[in-house]
Amino acid sequence: MKNSWIRKILAGLSFTSVLFVFQACYGTPQDFGLDLLIEGQVKAENTGLPLQNIKVSVSNNSQYAYTNQNGEFSFYTERTENIALTFADTDSLQNGLYVSKDTLLNNAAEKVFVSISLSESK
């Protein structure tokens, strides 16, 4: 009976070890350094003050970030030849209503800083 328990424990440890080695070799995604850090700041065109809660999104996928109280944002996305960014006001009640703006980044390096001014809707 004691041999039976020892065999079960050893079999379980062996199986777990095989799964661990497989996961380490084949199961984890590899990072090839193709990520792009996009940082920036969004300000009001007429006052130059930072705008909070502006949604900054990459048009070809579902990645987005919101600006903080200083109008700053940052996120990583996949580096491609052309990256279309959209800046949209999501809380018109808090800081007024601003017109959405699109911009295109061409052949970006590893890190990009984007400074955008949004005009107030009339």
PDB file of N, CA and C in Angstrom:
ATOM      1  N   MET A   1       0.823  -1.188   0.000  1.00  0.00           N
ATOM      2  CA  MET A   1       0.000   0.000   0.000  1.00  0.00           C
ATOM      3  C   MET A   1       0.869   1.255   0.000  1.00  0.00           C
ATOM      4  N   LYS A   2       1.962   1.229   0.763  1.00  0.00           N
ATOM      5  CA  LYS A   2       2.853   2.371   0.821  1.00  0.00           C
ATOM      6  C   LYS A   2       3.507   2.606  -0.545  1.00  0.00           C
ATOM      7  N   ASN A   3       3.859   1.542  -1.261  1.00  0.00           N
ATOM      8  CA  ASN A   3       4.449   1.652  -2.590  1.00  0.00           C
ATOM      9  C   ASN A   3       3.469   2.297  -3.567  1.00  0.00           C
ATOM     10  N   SER A   4       2.211   2.017  -3.417  1.00  0.00           N
ATOM     11  CA  SER A   4       1.192   2.568  -4.302  1.00  0.00           C
ATOM     12  C   SER A   4       1.136   4.095  -4.176  1.00  0.00           C
ATOM     13  N   TRP A   5       1.187   4.621  -2.974  1.00  0.00           N
ATOM     14  CA  TRP A   5       1.166   6.065  -2.739  1.00  0.00           C
ATOM     15  C   TRP A   5       2.440   6.725  -3.257  1.00  0.00           C
ATOM     16  N   ILE A   6       3.550   6.089  -3.058  1.00  0.00           N
ATOM     17  CA  ILE A   6       4.820   6.642  -3.531  1.00  0.00           C
ATOM     18  C   ILE A   6       4.821   6.701  -5.062  1.00  0.00           C
ATOM     19  N   ARG A   7       4.317   5.651  -5.713  1.00  0.00           N
ATOM     20  CA  ARG A   7       4.245   5.644  -7.172  1.00  0.00           C
ATOM     21  C   ARG A   7       3.319   6.759  -7.683  1.00  0.00           C
ATOM     22  N   LYS A   8       2.209   6.962  -7.028  1.00  0.00           N
ATOM     23  CA  LYS A   8       1.281   8.014  -7.445  1.00  0.00           C
ATOM     24  C   LYS A   8       1.905   9.401  -7.285  1.00  0.00           C
ATOM     25  N   ILE A   9       2.619   9.605  -6.207  1.00  0.00           N
ATOM     26  CA  ILE A   9       3.276  10.896  -5.975  1.00  0.00           C
ATOM     27  C   ILE A   9       4.358  11.131  -7.020  1.00  0.00           C
ATOM     28  N   LEU A  10       5.182  10.139  -7.286  1.00  0.00           N
ATOM     29  CA  LEU A  10       6.241  10.263  -8.287  1.00  0.00           C
ATOM     30  C   LEU A  10       5.659  10.474  -9.684  1.00  0.00           C
ATOM     31  N   ALA A  11       4.575   9.781 -10.005  1.00  0.00           N
ATOM     32  CA  ALA A  11       3.940   9.954 -11.307  1.00  0.00           C
ATOM     33  C   ALA A  11       3.386  11.377 -11.447  1.00  0.00           C
ATOM     34  N   GLY A  12       2.781  11.867 -10.409  1.00  0.00           N
ATOM     35  CA  GLY A  12       2.248  13.229 -10.431  1.00  0.00           C
ATOM     36  C   GLY A  12       3.354  14.268 -10.578  1.00  0.00           C
ATOM     37  N   LEU A  13       4.461  14.091  -9.859  1.00  0.00           N
ATOM     38  CA  LEU A  13       5.586  15.014  -9.963  1.00  0.00           C
ATOM     39  C   LEU A  13       6.218  14.957 -11.350  1.00  0.00           C
ATOM     40  N   SER A  14       6.322  13.772 -11.914  1.00  0.00           N
ATOM     41  CA  SER A  14       6.896  13.624 -13.264  1.00  0.00           C
ATOM     42  C   SER A  14       6.007  14.313 -14.295  1.00  0.00           C
ATOM     43  N   PHE A  15       4.720  14.083 -14.195  1.00  0.00           N
ATOM     44  CA  PHE A  15       3.782  14.706 -15.132  1.00  0.00           C
ATOM     45  C   PHE A  15       3.820  16.228 -15.009  1.00  0.00           C
ATOM     46  N   THR A  16       3.845  16.745 -13.785  1.00  0.00           N
ATOM     47  CA  THR A  16       3.921  18.181 -13.549  1.00  0.00           C
ATOM     48  C   THR A  16       5.212  18.762 -14.111  1.00  0.00           C
ATOM     49  N   SER A  17       6.307  18.040 -13.962  1.00  0.00           N
ATOM     50  CA  SER A  17       7.585  18.502 -14.502  1.00  0.00           C
ATOM     51  C   SER A  17       7.551  18.587 -16.019  1.00  0.00           C
ATOM     52  N   VAL A  18       6.950  17.601 -16.658  1.00  0.00           N
ATOM     53  CA  VAL A  18       6.840  17.608 -18.119  1.00  0.00           C
ATOM     54  C   VAL A  18       5.989  18.795 -18.569  1.00  0.00           C
ATOM     55  N   LEU A  19       4.887  19.055 -17.896  1.00  0.00           N
ATOM     56  CA  LEU A  19       4.040  20.195 -18.246  1.00  0.00           C
ATOM     57  C   LEU A  19       4.785  21.518 -18.066  1.00  0.00           C
ATOM     58  N   PHE A  20       5.561  21.622 -17.001  1.00  0.00           N
ATOM     59  CA  PHE A  20       6.324  22.842 -16.750  1.00  0.00           C
ATOM     60  C   PHE A  20       7.345  23.081 -17.860  1.00  0.00           C
ATOM     61  N   VAL A  21       8.069  22.057 -18.249  1.00  0.00           N
ATOM     62  CA  VAL A  21       9.068  22.199 -19.314  1.00  0.00           C
ATOM     63  C   VAL A  21       8.386  22.560 -20.636  1.00  0.00           C
ATOM     64  N   PHE A  22       7.275  21.932 -20.945  1.00  0.00           N
ATOM     65  CA  PHE A  22       6.553  22.251 -22.175  1.00  0.00           C
ATOM     66  C   PHE A  22       6.096  23.706 -22.174  1.00  0.00           C
ATOM     67  N   GLN A  23       5.537  24.160 -21.059  1.00  0.00           N
ATOM     68  CA  GLN A  23       5.074  25.543 -20.941  1.00  0.00           C
ATOM     69  C   GLN A  23       6.236  26.517 -21.098  1.00  0.00           C
ATOM     70  N   ALA A  24       7.361  26.219 -20.472  1.00  0.00           N
ATOM     71  CA  ALA A  24       8.520  27.109 -20.538  1.00  0.00           C
ATOM     72  C   ALA A  24       9.073  27.202 -21.957  1.00  0.00           C
ATOM     73  N   CYS A  25       9.042  26.123 -22.697  1.00  0.00           N
ATOM     74  CA  CYS A  25       9.619  26.119 -24.046  1.00  0.00           C
ATOM     75  C   CYS A  25       8.657  26.597 -25.121  1.00  0.00           C
ATOM     76  N   TYR A  26       7.419  26.188 -25.047  1.00  0.00           N
ATOM     77  CA  TYR A  26       6.498  26.424 -26.157  1.00  0.00           C
ATOM     78  C   TYR A  26       5.263  27.250 -25.805  1.00  0.00           C
ATOM     79  N   GLY A  27       4.918  27.354 -24.551  1.00  0.00           N
ATOM     80  CA  GLY A  27       3.634  27.933 -24.191  1.00  0.00           C
ATOM     81  C   GLY A  27       3.603  29.419 -23.970  1.00  0.00           C
ATOM     82  N   THR A  28       4.735  30.040 -23.716  1.00  0.00           N
ATOM     83  CA  THR A  28       4.708  31.466 -23.431  1.00  0.00           C
ATOM     84  C   THR A  28       4.918  32.272 -24.701  1.00  0.00           C
ATOM     85  N   PRO A  29       4.203  33.372 -24.847  1.00  0.00           N
ATOM     86  CA  PRO A  29       4.420  34.206 -26.026  1.00  0.00           C
ATOM     87  C   PRO A  29       5.789  34.876 -25.953  1.00  0.00           C
ATOM     88  N   GLN A  30       6.430  34.987 -27.072  1.00  0.00           N
ATOM     89  CA  GLN A  30       7.754  35.591 -27.135  1.00  0.00           C
ATOM     90  C   GLN A  30       7.613  37.062 -27.496  1.00  0.00           C
ATOM     91  N   ASP A  31       8.343  37.912 -26.801  1.00  0.00           N
ATOM     92  CA  ASP A  31       8.346  39.336 -27.101  1.00  0.00           C
ATOM     93  C   ASP A  31       9.551  39.626 -27.986  1.00  0.00           C
ATOM     94  N   PHE A  32       9.293  40.056 -29.188  1.00  0.00           N
ATOM     95  CA  PHE A  32      10.356  40.328 -30.142  1.00  0.00           C
ATOM     96  C   PHE A  32      10.687  41.820 -30.210  1.00  0.00           C
ATOM     97  N   GLY A  33      10.242  42.598 -29.220  1.00  0.00           N
ATOM     98  CA  GLY A  33      10.554  44.015 -29.192  1.00  0.00           C
ATOM     99  C   GLY A  33       9.792  44.834 -30.215  1.00  0.00           C
ATOM    100  N   LEU A  34       8.623  44.376 -30.624  1.00  0.00           N
ATOM    101  CA  LEU A  34       7.853  45.089 -31.639  1.00  0.00           C
ATOM    102  C   LEU A  34       6.791  46.002 -31.034  1.00  0.00           C
ATOM    103  N   ASP A  35       6.891  46.253 -29.734  1.00  0.00           N
ATOM    104  CA  ASP A  35       5.928  47.131 -29.084  1.00  0.00           C
ATOM    105  C   ASP A  35       6.356  48.586 -29.246  1.00  0.00           C
ATOM    106  N   LEU A  36       5.369  49.442 -29.272  1.00  0.00           N
ATOM    107  CA  LEU A  36       5.598  50.873 -29.408  1.00  0.00           C
ATOM    108  C   LEU A  36       4.943  51.571 -28.226  1.00  0.00           C
ATOM    109  N   LEU A  37       5.711  52.389 -27.518  1.00  0.00           N
ATOM    110  CA  LEU A  37       5.177  53.177 -26.411  1.00  0.00           C
ATOM    111  C   LEU A  37       4.706  54.513 -26.976  1.00  0.00           C
ATOM    112  N   ILE A  38       3.429  54.772 -26.809  1.00  0.00           N
ATOM    113  CA  ILE A  38       2.859  56.054 -27.240  1.00  0.00           C
ATOM    114  C   ILE A  38       2.510  56.843 -25.990  1.00  0.00           C
ATOM    115  N   GLU A  39       3.124  57.992 -25.856  1.00  0.00           N
ATOM    116  CA  GLU A  39       2.867  58.900 -24.741  1.00  0.00           C
ATOM    117  C   GLU A  39       2.445  60.240 -25.316  1.00  0.00           C
ATOM    118  N   GLY A  40       1.806  61.026 -24.498  1.00  0.00           N
ATOM    119  CA  GLY A  40       1.451  62.342 -24.991  1.00  0.00           C
ATOM    120  C   GLY A  40       0.643  63.152 -24.006  1.00  0.00           C
ATOM    121  N   GLN A  41       0.217  64.309 -24.492  1.00  0.00           N
ATOM    122  CA  GLN A  41      -0.591  65.207 -23.689  1.00  0.00           C
ATOM    123  C   GLN A  41      -1.627  65.865 -24.591  1.00  0.00           C
ATOM    124  N   VAL A  42      -2.822  66.046 -24.038  1.00  0.00           N
ATOM    125  CA  VAL A  42      -3.923  66.679 -24.756  1.00  0.00           C
ATOM    126  C   VAL A  42      -4.288  67.961 -24.021  1.00  0.00           C
ATOM    127  N   LYS A  43      -4.334  69.052 -24.786  1.00  0.00           N
ATOM    128  CA  LYS A  43      -4.658  70.363 -24.212  1.00  0.00           C
ATOM    129  C   LYS A  43      -5.806  70.997 -24.979  1.00  0.00           C
ATOM    130  N   ALA A  44      -6.428  71.977 -24.340  1.00  0.00           N
ATOM    131  CA  ALA A  44      -7.466  72.776 -25.000  1.00  0.00           C
ATOM    132  C   ALA A  44      -6.776  73.794 -25.903  1.00  0.00           C
ATOM    133  N   GLU A  45      -7.274  73.920 -27.127  1.00  0.00           N
ATOM    134  CA  GLU A  45      -6.650  74.817 -28.097  1.00  0.00           C
ATOM    135  C   GLU A  45      -6.737  76.285 -27.677  1.00  0.00           C
ATOM    136  N   ASN A  46      -7.879  76.687 -27.126  1.00  0.00           N
ATOM    137  CA  ASN A  46      -8.078  78.102 -26.798  1.00  0.00           C
ATOM    138  C   ASN A  46      -7.399  78.525 -25.497  1.00  0.00           C
ATOM    139  N   THR A  47      -7.281  77.642 -24.510  1.00  0.00           N
ATOM    140  CA  THR A  47      -6.704  78.029 -23.224  1.00  0.00           C
ATOM    141  C   THR A  47      -5.322  77.420 -22.975  1.00  0.00           C
ATOM    142  N   GLY A  48      -5.005  76.335 -23.628  1.00  0.00           N
ATOM    143  CA  GLY A  48      -3.728  75.660 -23.387  1.00  0.00           C
ATOM    144  C   GLY A  48      -3.719  74.804 -22.137  1.00  0.00           C
ATOM    145  N   LEU A  49      -4.873  74.684 -21.477  1.00  0.00           N
ATOM    146  CA  LEU A  49      -4.972  73.875 -20.257  1.00  0.00           C
ATOM    147  C   LEU A  49      -5.118  72.403 -20.608  1.00  0.00           C
ATOM    148  N   PRO A  50      -4.595  71.513 -19.767  1.00  0.00           N
ATOM    149  CA  PRO A  50      -4.711  70.077 -20.025  1.00  0.00           C
ATOM    150  C   PRO A  50      -6.160  69.606 -19.913  1.00  0.00           C
ATOM    151  N   LEU A  51      -6.509  68.617 -20.734  1.00  0.00           N
ATOM    152  CA  LEU A  51      -7.870  68.072 -20.733  1.00  0.00           C
ATOM    153  C   LEU A  51      -7.867  66.662 -20.146  1.00  0.00           C
ATOM    154  N   GLN A  52      -8.754  66.438 -19.197  1.00  0.00           N
ATOM    155  CA  GLN A  52      -8.889  65.146 -18.537  1.00  0.00           C
ATOM    156  C   GLN A  52      -9.984  64.325 -19.216  1.00  0.00           C
ATOM    157  N   ASN A  53      -9.852  62.998 -19.138  1.00  0.00           N
ATOM    158  CA  ASN A  53     -10.839  62.034 -19.647  1.00  0.00           C
ATOM    159  C   ASN A  53     -11.069  62.128 -21.155  1.00  0.00           C
ATOM    160  N   ILE A  54     -10.025  62.423 -21.897  1.00  0.00           N
ATOM    161  CA  ILE A  54     -10.075  62.335 -23.357  1.00  0.00           C
ATOM    162  C   ILE A  54      -9.649  60.913 -23.706  1.00  0.00           C
ATOM    163  N   LYS A  55     -10.451  60.224 -24.499  1.00  0.00           N
ATOM    164  CA  LYS A  55     -10.137  58.850 -24.885  1.00  0.00           C
ATOM    165  C   LYS A  55      -9.204  58.877 -26.090  1.00  0.00           C
ATOM    166  N   VAL A  56      -8.018  58.290 -25.909  1.00  0.00           N
ATOM    167  CA  VAL A  56      -7.024  58.179 -26.976  1.00  0.00           C
ATOM    168  C   VAL A  56      -7.018  56.721 -27.400  1.00  0.00           C
ATOM    169  N   SER A  57      -7.347  56.452 -28.651  1.00  0.00           N
ATOM    170  CA  SER A  57      -7.456  55.064 -29.083  1.00  0.00           C
ATOM    171  C   SER A  57      -6.727  54.831 -30.401  1.00  0.00           C
ATOM    172  N   VAL A  58      -6.287  53.598 -30.578  1.00  0.00           N
ATOM    173  CA  VAL A  58      -5.695  53.160 -31.839  1.00  0.00           C
ATOM    174  C   VAL A  58      -6.844  52.669 -32.697  1.00  0.00           C
ATOM    175  N   SER A  59      -6.974  53.218 -33.886  1.00  0.00           N
ATOM    176  CA  SER A  59      -8.151  52.972 -34.716  1.00  0.00           C
ATOM    177  C   SER A  59      -8.280  51.537 -35.223  1.00  0.00           C
ATOM    178  N   ASN A  60      -7.164  50.829 -35.442  1.00  0.00           N
ATOM    179  CA  ASN A  60      -7.258  49.492 -36.034  1.00  0.00           C
ATOM    180  C   ASN A  60      -7.384  48.368 -35.010  1.00  0.00           C
ATOM    181  N   ASN A  61      -7.391  48.681 -33.724  1.00  0.00           N
ATOM    182  CA  ASN A  61      -7.617  47.647 -32.708  1.00  0.00           C
ATOM    183  C   ASN A  61      -8.340  48.259 -31.510  1.00  0.00           C
ATOM    184  N   SER A  62      -8.464  47.522 -30.468  1.00  0.00           N
ATOM    185  CA  SER A  62      -9.280  47.971 -29.338  1.00  0.00           C
ATOM    186  C   SER A  62      -8.446  48.561 -28.203  1.00  0.00           C
ATOM    187  N   GLN A  63      -7.231  49.005 -28.469  1.00  0.00           N
ATOM    188  CA  GLN A  63      -6.416  49.593 -27.411  1.00  0.00           C
ATOM    189  C   GLN A  63      -6.751  51.069 -27.247  1.00  0.00           C
ATOM    190  N   TYR A  64      -6.827  51.481 -25.994  1.00  0.00           N
ATOM    191  CA  TYR A  64      -7.112  52.884 -25.713  1.00  0.00           C
ATOM    192  C   TYR A  64      -6.655  53.235 -24.312  1.00  0.00           C
ATOM    193  N   ALA A  65      -6.560  54.528 -24.051  1.00  0.00           N
ATOM    194  CA  ALA A  65      -6.229  55.044 -22.727  1.00  0.00           C
ATOM    195  C   ALA A  65      -6.965  56.364 -22.562  1.00  0.00           C
ATOM    196  N   TYR A  66      -7.176  56.753 -21.318  1.00  0.00           N
ATOM    197  CA  TYR A  66      -7.802  58.033 -21.006  1.00  0.00           C
ATOM    198  C   TYR A  66      -6.755  58.977 -20.431  1.00  0.00           C
ATOM    199  N   THR A  67      -6.888  60.250 -20.737  1.00  0.00           N
ATOM    200  CA  THR A  67      -5.953  61.216 -20.185  1.00  0.00           C
ATOM    201  C   THR A  67      -6.235  61.425 -18.692  1.00  0.00           C
ATOM    202  N   ASN A  68      -5.167  61.698 -17.945  1.00  0.00           N
ATOM    203  CA  ASN A  68      -5.307  61.946 -16.510  1.00  0.00           C
ATOM    204  C   ASN A  68      -5.576  63.437 -16.267  1.00  0.00           C
ATOM    205  N   GLN A  69      -5.501  63.889 -15.022  1.00  0.00           N
ATOM    206  CA  GLN A  69      -5.813  65.279 -14.689  1.00  0.00           C
ATOM    207  C   GLN A  69      -4.818  66.264 -15.308  1.00  0.00           C
ATOM    208  N   ASN A  70      -3.643  65.784 -15.714  1.00  0.00           N
ATOM    209  CA  ASN A  70      -2.654  66.634 -16.383  1.00  0.00           C
ATOM    210  C   ASN A  70      -2.740  66.532 -17.901  1.00  0.00           C
ATOM    211  N   GLY A  71      -3.758  65.836 -18.407  1.00  0.00           N
ATOM    212  CA  GLY A  71      -3.930  65.664 -19.842  1.00  0.00           C
ATOM    213  C   GLY A  71      -2.980  64.647 -20.454  1.00  0.00           C
ATOM    214  N   GLU A  72      -2.288  63.891 -19.621  1.00  0.00           N
ATOM    215  CA  GLU A  72      -1.280  62.943 -20.102  1.00  0.00           C
ATOM    216  C   GLU A  72      -1.870  61.551 -20.285  1.00  0.00           C
ATOM    217  N   PHE A  73      -1.304  60.820 -21.231  1.00  0.00           N
ATOM    218  CA  PHE A  73      -1.703  59.437 -21.471  1.00  0.00           C
ATOM    219  C   PHE A  73      -0.478  58.655 -21.914  1.00  0.00           C
ATOM    220  N   SER A  74      -0.550  57.346 -21.774  1.00  0.00           N
ATOM    221  CA  SER A  74       0.501  56.464 -22.292  1.00  0.00           C
ATOM    222  C   SER A  74      -0.051  55.051 -22.377  1.00  0.00           C
ATOM    223  N   PHE A  75       0.376  54.329 -23.421  1.00  0.00           N
ATOM    224  CA  PHE A  75       0.036  52.920 -23.571  1.00  0.00           C
ATOM    225  C   PHE A  75       0.952  52.305 -24.621  1.00  0.00           C
ATOM    226  N   TYR A  76       1.035  50.995 -24.583  1.00  0.00           N
ATOM    227  CA  TYR A  76       1.814  50.245 -25.560  1.00  0.00           C
ATOM    228  C   TYR A  76       0.876  49.695 -26.632  1.00  0.00           C
ATOM    229  N   THR A  77       1.367  49.644 -27.852  1.00  0.00           N
ATOM    230  CA  THR A  77       0.630  49.038 -28.942  1.00  0.00           C
ATOM    231  C   THR A  77       1.626  48.345 -29.862  1.00  0.00           C
ATOM    232  N   GLU A  78       1.117  47.551 -30.754  1.00  0.00           N
ATOM    233  CA  GLU A  78       1.972  46.860 -31.709  1.00  0.00           C
ATOM    234  C   GLU A  78       2.511  47.868 -32.727  1.00  0.00           C
ATOM    235  N   ARG A  79       3.811  47.791 -32.984  1.00  0.00           N
ATOM    236  CA  ARG A  79       4.433  48.706 -33.937  1.00  0.00           C
ATOM    237  C   ARG A  79       4.112  48.268 -35.363  1.00  0.00           C
ATOM    238  N   THR A  80       3.461  49.138 -36.100  1.00  0.00           N
ATOM    239  CA  THR A  80       3.155  48.896 -37.510  1.00  0.00           C
ATOM    240  C   THR A  80       3.611  50.111 -38.307  1.00  0.00           C
ATOM    241  N   GLU A  81       3.495  50.024 -39.625  1.00  0.00           N
ATOM    242  CA  GLU A  81       3.967  51.110 -40.485  1.00  0.00           C
ATOM    243  C   GLU A  81       3.180  52.397 -40.253  1.00  0.00           C
ATOM    244  N   ASN A  82       1.867  52.301 -40.190  1.00  0.00           N
ATOM    245  CA  ASN A  82       1.003  53.460 -39.955  1.00  0.00           C
ATOM    246  C   ASN A  82       0.074  53.163 -38.783  1.00  0.00           C
ATOM    247  N   ILE A  83       0.028  54.085 -37.842  1.00  0.00           N
ATOM    248  CA  ILE A  83      -0.845  53.931 -36.673  1.00  0.00           C
ATOM    249  C   ILE A  83      -1.774  55.142 -36.625  1.00  0.00           C
ATOM    250  N   ALA A  84      -3.071  54.879 -36.707  1.00  0.00           N
ATOM    251  CA  ALA A  84      -4.066  55.951 -36.654  1.00  0.00           C
ATOM    252  C   ALA A  84      -4.563  56.098 -35.220  1.00  0.00           C
ATOM    253  N   LEU A  85      -4.430  57.301 -34.678  1.00  0.00           N
ATOM    254  CA  LEU A  85      -4.905  57.600 -33.323  1.00  0.00           C
ATOM    255  C   LEU A  85      -6.134  58.489 -33.407  1.00  0.00           C
ATOM    256  N   THR A  86      -7.082  58.244 -32.510  1.00  0.00           N
ATOM    257  CA  THR A  86      -8.288  59.056 -32.412  1.00  0.00           C
ATOM    258  C   THR A  86      -8.368  59.641 -31.011  1.00  0.00           C
ATOM    259  N   PHE A  87      -8.631  60.922 -30.932  1.00  0.00           N
ATOM    260  CA  PHE A  87      -8.793  61.624 -29.660  1.00  0.00           C
ATOM    261  C   PHE A  87     -10.247  62.053 -29.568  1.00  0.00           C
ATOM    262  N   ALA A  88     -10.975  61.526 -28.573  1.00  0.00           N
ATOM    263  CA  ALA A  88     -12.406  61.808 -28.458  1.00  0.00           C
ATOM    264  C   ALA A  88     -12.758  62.228 -27.032  1.00  0.00           C
ATOM    265  N   ASP A  89     -13.580  63.251 -26.913  1.00  0.00           N
ATOM    266  CA  ASP A  89     -14.062  63.722 -25.615  1.00  0.00           C
ATOM    267  C   ASP A  89     -15.160  62.781 -25.139  1.00  0.00           C
ATOM    268  N   THR A  90     -15.015  62.271 -23.926  1.00  0.00           N
ATOM    269  CA  THR A  90     -15.987  61.301 -23.406  1.00  0.00           C
ATOM    270  C   THR A  90     -16.837  61.855 -22.274  1.00  0.00           C
ATOM    271  N   ASP A  91     -16.480  63.010 -21.743  1.00  0.00           N
ATOM    272  CA  ASP A  91     -17.237  63.551 -20.600  1.00  0.00           C
ATOM    273  C   ASP A  91     -17.542  65.035 -20.814  1.00  0.00           C
ATOM    274  N   SER A  92     -18.343  65.318 -21.773  1.00  0.00           N
ATOM    275  CA  SER A  92     -18.624  66.706 -22.135  1.00  0.00           C
ATOM    276  C   SER A  92     -19.166  67.537 -20.975  1.00  0.00           C
ATOM    277  N   LEU A  93     -19.711  66.903 -19.968  1.00  0.00           N
ATOM    278  CA  LEU A  93     -20.275  67.642 -18.837  1.00  0.00           C
ATOM    279  C   LEU A  93     -19.193  68.183 -17.912  1.00  0.00           C
ATOM    280  N   GLN A  94     -18.055  67.484 -17.820  1.00  0.00           N
ATOM    281  CA  GLN A  94     -17.030  67.885 -16.861  1.00  0.00           C
ATOM    282  C   GLN A  94     -16.178  69.053 -17.358  1.00  0.00           C
ATOM    283  N   ASN A  95     -15.682  68.976 -18.573  1.00  0.00           N
ATOM    284  CA  ASN A  95     -14.774  70.025 -19.035  1.00  0.00           C
ATOM    285  C   ASN A  95     -15.196  70.646 -20.364  1.00  0.00           C
ATOM    286  N   GLY A  96     -16.451  70.567 -20.717  1.00  0.00           N
ATOM    287  CA  GLY A  96     -16.927  71.114 -21.982  1.00  0.00           C
ATOM    288  C   GLY A  96     -16.883  70.066 -23.077  1.00  0.00           C
ATOM    289  N   LEU A  97     -17.360  70.424 -24.237  1.00  0.00           N
ATOM    290  CA  LEU A  97     -17.402  69.485 -25.356  1.00  0.00           C
ATOM    291  C   LEU A  97     -16.324  69.872 -26.362  1.00  0.00           C
ATOM    292  N   TYR A  98     -15.458  68.915 -26.684  1.00  0.00           N
ATOM    293  CA  TYR A  98     -14.365  69.154 -27.613  1.00  0.00           C
ATOM    294  C   TYR A  98     -14.537  68.287 -28.854  1.00  0.00           C
ATOM    295  N   VAL A  99     -14.115  68.823 -29.985  1.00  0.00           N
ATOM    296  CA  VAL A  99     -14.236  68.139 -31.268  1.00  0.00           C
ATOM    297  C   VAL A  99     -13.198  67.019 -31.329  1.00  0.00           C
ATOM    298  N   SER A 100     -13.623  65.858 -31.793  1.00  0.00           N
ATOM    299  CA  SER A 100     -12.710  64.724 -31.944  1.00  0.00           C
ATOM    300  C   SER A 100     -11.667  65.032 -33.012  1.00  0.00           C
ATOM    301  N   LYS A 101     -10.502  64.399 -32.852  1.00  0.00           N
ATOM    302  CA  LYS A 101      -9.414  64.642 -33.792  1.00  0.00           C
ATOM    303  C   LYS A 101      -8.709  63.323 -34.082  1.00  0.00           C
ATOM    304  N   ASP A 102      -8.296  63.141 -35.334  1.00  0.00           N
ATOM    305  CA  ASP A 102      -7.545  61.962 -35.745  1.00  0.00           C
ATOM    306  C   ASP A 102      -6.151  62.386 -36.176  1.00  0.00           C
ATOM    307  N   THR A 103      -5.184  61.515 -35.945  1.00  0.00           N
ATOM    308  CA  THR A 103      -3.825  61.758 -36.407  1.00  0.00           C
ATOM    309  C   THR A 103      -3.199  60.436 -36.827  1.00  0.00           C
ATOM    310  N   LEU A 104      -2.216  60.499 -37.692  1.00  0.00           N
ATOM    311  CA  LEU A 104      -1.575  59.308 -38.220  1.00  0.00           C
ATOM    312  C   LEU A 104      -0.085  59.350 -37.908  1.00  0.00           C
ATOM    313  N   LEU A 105       0.415  58.276 -37.293  1.00  0.00           N
ATOM    314  CA  LEU A 105       1.846  58.151 -37.013  1.00  0.00           C
ATOM    315  C   LEU A 105       2.463  57.263 -38.088  1.00  0.00           C
ATOM    316  N   ASN A 106       3.494  57.753 -38.753  1.00  0.00           N
ATOM    317  CA  ASN A 106       4.161  56.997 -39.815  1.00  0.00           C
ATOM    318  C   ASN A 106       5.536  56.533 -39.355  1.00  0.00           C
ATOM    319  N   ASN A 107       5.820  55.235 -39.552  1.00  0.00           N
ATOM    320  CA  ASN A 107       7.141  54.665 -39.271  1.00  0.00           C
ATOM    321  C   ASN A 107       7.686  55.107 -37.918  1.00  0.00           C
ATOM    322  N   ALA A 108       6.921  54.879 -36.879  1.00  0.00           N
ATOM    323  CA  ALA A 108       7.294  55.303 -35.531  1.00  0.00           C
ATOM    324  C   ALA A 108       8.431  54.442 -34.987  1.00  0.00           C
ATOM    325  N   ALA A 109       9.256  55.027 -34.154  1.00  0.00           N
ATOM    326  CA  ALA A 109      10.349  54.315 -33.497  1.00  0.00           C
ATOM    327  C   ALA A 109       9.792  53.544 -32.309  1.00  0.00           C
ATOM    328  N   GLU A 110      10.618  53.288 -31.310  1.00  0.00           N
ATOM    329  CA  GLU A 110      10.179  52.523 -30.141  1.00  0.00           C
ATOM    330  C   GLU A 110       9.318  53.338 -29.194  1.00  0.00           C
ATOM    331  N   LYS A 111       9.459  54.658 -29.239  1.00  0.00           N
ATOM    332  CA  LYS A 111       8.751  55.534 -28.317  1.00  0.00           C
ATOM    333  C   LYS A 111       8.344  56.795 -29.070  1.00  0.00           C
ATOM    334  N   VAL A 112       7.090  57.235 -28.868  1.00  0.00           N
ATOM    335  CA  VAL A 112       6.569  58.419 -29.553  1.00  0.00           C
ATOM    336  C   VAL A 112       5.885  59.310 -28.523  1.00  0.00           C
ATOM    337  N   PHE A 113       6.100  60.615 -28.646  1.00  0.00           N
ATOM    338  CA  PHE A 113       5.381  61.579 -27.823  1.00  0.00           C
ATOM    339  C   PHE A 113       4.487  62.396 -28.738  1.00  0.00           C
ATOM    340  N   VAL A 114       3.198  62.442 -28.406  1.00  0.00           N
ATOM    341  CA  VAL A 114       2.204  63.140 -29.224  1.00  0.00           C
ATOM    342  C   VAL A 114       1.600  64.266 -28.398  1.00  0.00           C
ATOM    343  N   SER A 115       1.641  65.472 -28.935  1.00  0.00           N
ATOM    344  CA  SER A 115       1.014  66.614 -28.291  1.00  0.00           C
ATOM    345  C   SER A 115      -0.122  67.095 -29.183  1.00  0.00           C
ATOM    346  N   ILE A 116      -1.342  67.094 -28.656  1.00  0.00           N
ATOM    347  CA  ILE A 116      -2.530  67.421 -29.429  1.00  0.00           C
ATOM    348  C   ILE A 116      -3.316  68.523 -28.726  1.00  0.00           C
ATOM    349  N   SER A 117      -3.823  69.447 -29.517  1.00  0.00           N
ATOM    350  CA  SER A 117      -4.726  70.479 -29.003  1.00  0.00           C
ATOM    351  C   SER A 117      -6.095  70.266 -29.630  1.00  0.00           C
ATOM    352  N   LEU A 118      -7.105  70.198 -28.789  1.00  0.00           N
ATOM    353  CA  LEU A 118      -8.487  70.003 -29.265  1.00  0.00           C
ATOM    354  C   LEU A 118      -9.233  71.334 -29.177  1.00  0.00           C
ATOM    355  N   SER A 119     -10.031  71.608 -30.193  1.00  0.00           N
ATOM    356  CA  SER A 119     -10.819  72.829 -30.195  1.00  0.00           C
ATOM    357  C   SER A 119     -12.187  72.541 -29.590  1.00  0.00           C
ATOM    358  N   GLU A 120     -12.715  73.560 -28.925  1.00  0.00           N
ATOM    359  CA  GLU A 120     -14.010  73.435 -28.252  1.00  0.00           C
ATOM    360  C   GLU A 120     -15.135  73.482 -29.280  1.00  0.00           C
ATOM    361  N   SER A 121     -16.127  72.628 -29.076  1.00  0.00           N
ATOM    362  CA  SER A 121     -17.287  72.603 -29.971  1.00  0.00           C
ATOM    363  C   SER A 121     -18.166  73.800 -29.680  1.00  0.00           C
ATOM    364  N   LYS A 122     -18.723  74.359 -30.710  1.00  0.00           N
ATOM    365  CA  LYS A 122     -19.552  75.567 -30.516  1.00  0.00           C
ATOM    366  C   LYS A 122     -21.012  75.233 -30.521  1.00  0.00           C
TER     367      LYS A 122
END
